[in-house]
C-alpha atoms as a PDB file:
ATOM      1  CA  UNK A   1      32.927 -19.688 -34.890  1.00  0.00           C
ATOM      2  CA  UNK A   2      29.182 -19.643 -35.610  1.00  0.00           C
ATOM      3  CA  UNK A   3      28.022 -17.168 -38.239  1.00  0.00           C
ATOM      4  CA  UNK A   4      24.522 -15.758 -37.866  1.00  0.00           C
ATOM      5  CA  UNK A   5      22.909 -14.065 -40.833  1.00  0.00           C
ATOM      6  CA  UNK A   6      20.108 -11.520 -40.751  1.00  0.00           C
ATOM      7  CA  UNK A   7      16.631 -12.845 -41.488  1.00  0.00           C
ATOM      8  CA  UNK A   8      15.553 -12.670 -45.138  1.00  0.00           C
ATOM      9  CA  UNK A   9      12.612 -10.524 -46.197  1.00  0.00           C
ATOM     10  CA  UNK A  10       9.327 -12.408 -45.881  1.00  0.00           C
ATOM     11  CA  UNK A  11      10.784 -15.164 -43.724  1.00  0.00           C
ATOM     12  CA  UNK A  12       8.876 -16.328 -40.645  1.00  0.00           C
ATOM     13  CA  UNK A  13      10.899 -17.387 -37.613  1.00  0.00           C
ATOM     14  CA  UNK A  14      10.040 -18.956 -34.286  1.00  0.00           C
ATOM     15  CA  UNK A  15       8.759 -16.180 -32.063  1.00  0.00           C
ATOM     16  CA  UNK A  16      10.077 -15.775 -28.542  1.00  0.00           C
ATOM     17  CA  UNK A  17       7.690 -14.669 -25.781  1.00  0.00           C
ATOM     18  CA  UNK A  18       9.459 -11.300 -25.352  1.00  0.00           C
ATOM     19  CA  UNK A  19       8.900 -10.520 -29.068  1.00  0.00           C
ATOM     20  CA  UNK A  20       5.136 -10.952 -28.761  1.00  0.00           C
ATOM     21  CA  UNK A  21       3.994  -7.353 -28.484  1.00  0.00           C
ATOM     22  CA  UNK A  22       1.416  -5.138 -30.192  1.00  0.00           C
ATOM     23  CA  UNK A  23       2.351  -4.249 -33.765  1.00  0.00           C
ATOM     24  CA  UNK A  24       4.357  -7.421 -34.409  1.00  0.00           C
ATOM     25  CA  UNK A  25       3.577  -9.131 -37.743  1.00  0.00           C
ATOM     26  CA  UNK A  26       2.967 -12.858 -37.265  1.00  0.00           C
ATOM     27  CA  UNK A  27       1.997 -15.972 -39.231  1.00  0.00           C
ATOM     28  CA  UNK A  28      -0.073 -18.858 -37.841  1.00  0.00           C
ATOM     29  CA  UNK A  29       2.123 -21.964 -37.797  1.00  0.00           C
ATOM     30  CA  UNK A  30       1.360 -24.723 -40.276  1.00  0.00           C
ATOM     31  CA  UNK A  31       0.940 -27.204 -37.415  1.00  0.00           C
ATOM     32  CA  UNK A  32      -1.901 -25.218 -35.821  1.00  0.00           C
ATOM     33  CA  UNK A  33      -4.849 -27.431 -34.847  1.00  0.00           C
ATOM     34  CA  UNK A  34      -7.276 -25.023 -36.555  1.00  0.00           C
ATOM     35  CA  UNK A  35      -6.597 -25.842 -40.203  1.00  0.00           C
ATOM     36  CA  UNK A  36      -8.540 -22.835 -41.529  1.00  0.00           C
ATOM     37  CA  UNK A  37      -6.066 -20.491 -39.815  1.00  0.00           C
ATOM     38  CA  UNK A  38      -2.798 -22.184 -40.846  1.00  0.00           C
ATOM     39  CA  UNK A  39      -0.472 -19.847 -42.723  1.00  0.00           C
ATOM     40  CA  UNK A  40      -2.581 -16.708 -42.234  1.00  0.00           C
ATOM     41  CA  UNK A  41      -0.702 -13.479 -41.524  1.00  0.00           C
ATOM     42  CA  UNK A  42      -1.796 -10.892 -38.976  1.00  0.00           C
ATOM     43  CA  UNK A  43      -0.741  -8.244 -36.501  1.00  0.00           C
ATOM     44  CA  UNK A  44      -0.602  -8.599 -32.725  1.00  0.00           C
ATOM     45  CA  UNK A  45      -3.095  -6.142 -31.229  1.00  0.00           C
ATOM     46  CA  UNK A  46      -2.906  -7.028 -27.537  1.00  0.00           C
ATOM     47  CA  UNK A  47      -1.066  -9.266 -25.106  1.00  0.00           C
ATOM     48  CA  UNK A  48      -2.563 -11.085 -22.126  1.00  0.00           C
ATOM     49  CA  UNK A  49      -1.293 -13.122 -19.191  1.00  0.00           C
ATOM     50  CA  UNK A  50       2.172 -14.105 -18.084  1.00  0.00           C
ATOM     51  CA  UNK A  51       5.243 -12.458 -19.682  1.00  0.00           C
ATOM     52  CA  UNK A  52       6.788 -15.933 -20.081  1.00  0.00           C
ATOM     53  CA  UNK A  53       3.728 -17.487 -21.773  1.00  0.00           C
ATOM     54  CA  UNK A  54       1.491 -14.751 -23.224  1.00  0.00           C
ATOM     55  CA  UNK A  55      -1.764 -15.121 -25.091  1.00  0.00           C
ATOM     56  CA  UNK A  56      -2.000 -12.781 -28.084  1.00  0.00           C
ATOM     57  CA  UNK A  57      -4.983 -11.100 -29.687  1.00  0.00           C
ATOM     58  CA  UNK A  58      -4.148 -11.118 -33.417  1.00  0.00           C
ATOM     59  CA  UNK A  59      -5.968  -9.218 -36.189  1.00  0.00           C
ATOM     60  CA  UNK A  60      -5.702 -11.554 -39.185  1.00  0.00           C
ATOM     61  CA  UNK A  61      -5.420 -10.501 -42.833  1.00  0.00           C
ATOM     62  CA  UNK A  62      -9.097 -11.315 -43.430  1.00  0.00           C
ATOM     63  CA  UNK A  63     -10.060  -8.718 -40.781  1.00  0.00           C
ATOM     64  CA  UNK A  64     -11.170 -10.896 -37.874  1.00  0.00           C
ATOM     65  CA  UNK A  65      -9.389 -11.339 -34.542  1.00  0.00           C
ATOM     66  CA  UNK A  66      -8.289 -14.592 -32.934  1.00  0.00           C
ATOM     67  CA  UNK A  67      -6.609 -15.384 -29.634  1.00  0.00           C
ATOM     68  CA  UNK A  68      -3.410 -17.465 -29.841  1.00  0.00           C
ATOM     69  CA  UNK A  69      -0.682 -18.652 -27.510  1.00  0.00           C
ATOM     70  CA  UNK A  70       2.616 -17.106 -28.598  1.00  0.00           C
ATOM     71  CA  UNK A  71       4.060 -20.528 -29.514  1.00  0.00           C
ATOM     72  CA  UNK A  72       1.304 -20.987 -32.141  1.00  0.00           C
ATOM     73  CA  UNK A  73       2.768 -18.122 -34.191  1.00  0.00           C
ATOM     74  CA  UNK A  74       5.920 -17.253 -36.098  1.00  0.00           C
ATOM     75  CA  UNK A  75       7.292 -13.721 -36.355  1.00  0.00           C
ATOM     76  CA  UNK A  76       7.212 -12.338 -39.911  1.00  0.00           C
ATOM     77  CA  UNK A  77      10.049 -10.024 -40.886  1.00  0.00           C
ATOM     78  CA  UNK A  78       8.249  -8.346 -43.791  1.00  0.00           C
ATOM     79  CA  UNK A  79       4.680  -7.022 -43.763  1.00  0.00           C
ATOM     80  CA  UNK A  80       4.312  -7.968 -47.455  1.00  0.00           C
ATOM     81  CA  UNK A  81       4.771 -11.682 -46.668  1.00  0.00           C
ATOM     82  CA  UNK A  82       1.641 -13.766 -46.946  1.00  0.00           C
END
């Protein structure tokens, strides 16, 4: 039997497309091609395009917005994580 534990506070996990909705806290993946954005935390403000492969407008912790594909982000379970 496989045991699944609840996510720990401050942990970022792979985000699924259905989780990408306004208000979701996210972190830019370390492998992102834009090195200046890697690891930044933000909040999804809007969602665009296909439900299976959405683009997300994210307000980052420094106050500016960037557009990302959902697979470029991880979901953050705690707003205090940075």
